[in-house]
Amino acid sequence: MIRWFAVVFFALVLLSALAPWLHRLGFGRLPGDLRFRLFGRDWAIPLASTILLSLALSVLVRLLSR
């Protein structure tokens, strides 16, 4: 359980560090990504970007594991 928590934490830290770079590439601005303002704060839910990154990583892992 602790190992999975550490992996998820590391992934979130890595993703937040890469977020500005990914935003410049267009991730976070795809048609399925949600952005809204609530309580004076901007919120972003990158659904399409998450699915696209997941598919890309799955293909990469599959190609590397052969």
Protein backbone atom coordinates (compact mmCIF):
# COMPACT_ATOMS: atom_id res chain seq x y z
CA MET A 1 0.00 0.00 0.00
CA ILE A 2 2.80 2.41 0.89
CA ARG A 3 4.58 1.57 -2.37
CA TRP A 4 1.51 2.51 -4.46
CA PHE A 5 1.09 5.71 -2.48
CA ALA A 6 4.72 6.59 -3.19
CA VAL A 7 4.30 5.82 -6.92
CA VAL A 8 1.15 7.95 -7.19
CA PHE A 9 2.80 10.78 -5.25
CA PHE A 10 5.89 10.66 -7.49
CA ALA A 11 3.73 10.61 -10.62
CA LEU A 12 1.77 13.66 -9.43
CA VAL A 13 4.95 15.56 -8.62
CA LEU A 14 6.42 14.68 -12.01
CA LEU A 15 3.22 15.65 -13.83
CA SER A 16 2.99 18.99 -12.04
CA ALA A 17 6.62 19.71 -12.88
CA LEU A 18 5.99 18.91 -16.55
CA ALA A 19 2.65 20.74 -16.74
CA PRO A 20 3.99 24.06 -18.10
CA TRP A 21 5.98 22.25 -20.78
CA LEU A 22 3.03 20.05 -21.73
CA HIS A 23 0.75 23.10 -21.84
CA ARG A 24 3.07 24.72 -24.39
CA LEU A 25 2.73 21.58 -26.52
CA GLY A 26 -1.07 21.89 -26.45
CA PHE A 27 -1.99 19.44 -23.71
CA GLY A 28 -4.68 20.87 -21.48
CA ARG A 29 -6.22 22.75 -24.39
CA LEU A 30 -7.73 19.82 -26.29
CA PRO A 31 -11.50 19.76 -27.04
CA GLY A 32 -12.27 17.32 -24.19
CA ASP A 33 -10.43 19.31 -21.51
CA LEU A 34 -12.57 21.26 -19.07
CA ARG A 35 -11.66 24.69 -17.68
CA PHE A 36 -13.85 26.73 -15.38
CA ARG A 37 -13.72 29.38 -12.69
CA LEU A 38 -15.12 28.58 -9.26
CA PHE A 39 -14.77 30.63 -6.06
CA GLY A 40 -12.37 33.02 -7.79
CA ARG A 41 -9.97 30.28 -8.80
CA ASP A 42 -9.32 28.69 -12.21
CA TRP A 43 -9.82 24.93 -12.30
CA ALA A 44 -8.75 22.59 -15.08
CA ILE A 45 -9.80 19.00 -15.63
CA PRO A 46 -7.74 17.68 -18.56
CA LEU A 47 -9.81 14.63 -19.53
CA ALA A 48 -8.80 14.39 -23.19
CA SER A 49 -5.15 15.14 -22.44
CA THR A 50 -5.04 12.45 -19.76
CA ILE A 51 -6.53 9.85 -22.10
CA LEU A 52 -4.12 10.83 -24.88
CA LEU A 53 -1.07 10.64 -22.58
CA SER A 54 -2.26 7.31 -21.20
CA LEU A 55 -2.61 5.84 -24.68
CA ALA A 56 0.80 7.15 -25.71
CA LEU A 57 2.47 5.68 -22.61
CA SER A 58 0.67 2.35 -23.10
CA VAL A 59 1.91 2.09 -26.67
CA LEU A 60 5.43 3.05 -25.60
CA VAL A 61 5.52 0.46 -22.82
CA ARG A 62 4.11 -2.20 -25.12
CA LEU A 63 6.74 -1.46 -27.77
CA LEU A 64 9.56 -1.50 -25.23
CA SER A 65 8.44 -4.74 -23.59
CA ARG A 66 8.73 -6.81 -26.81
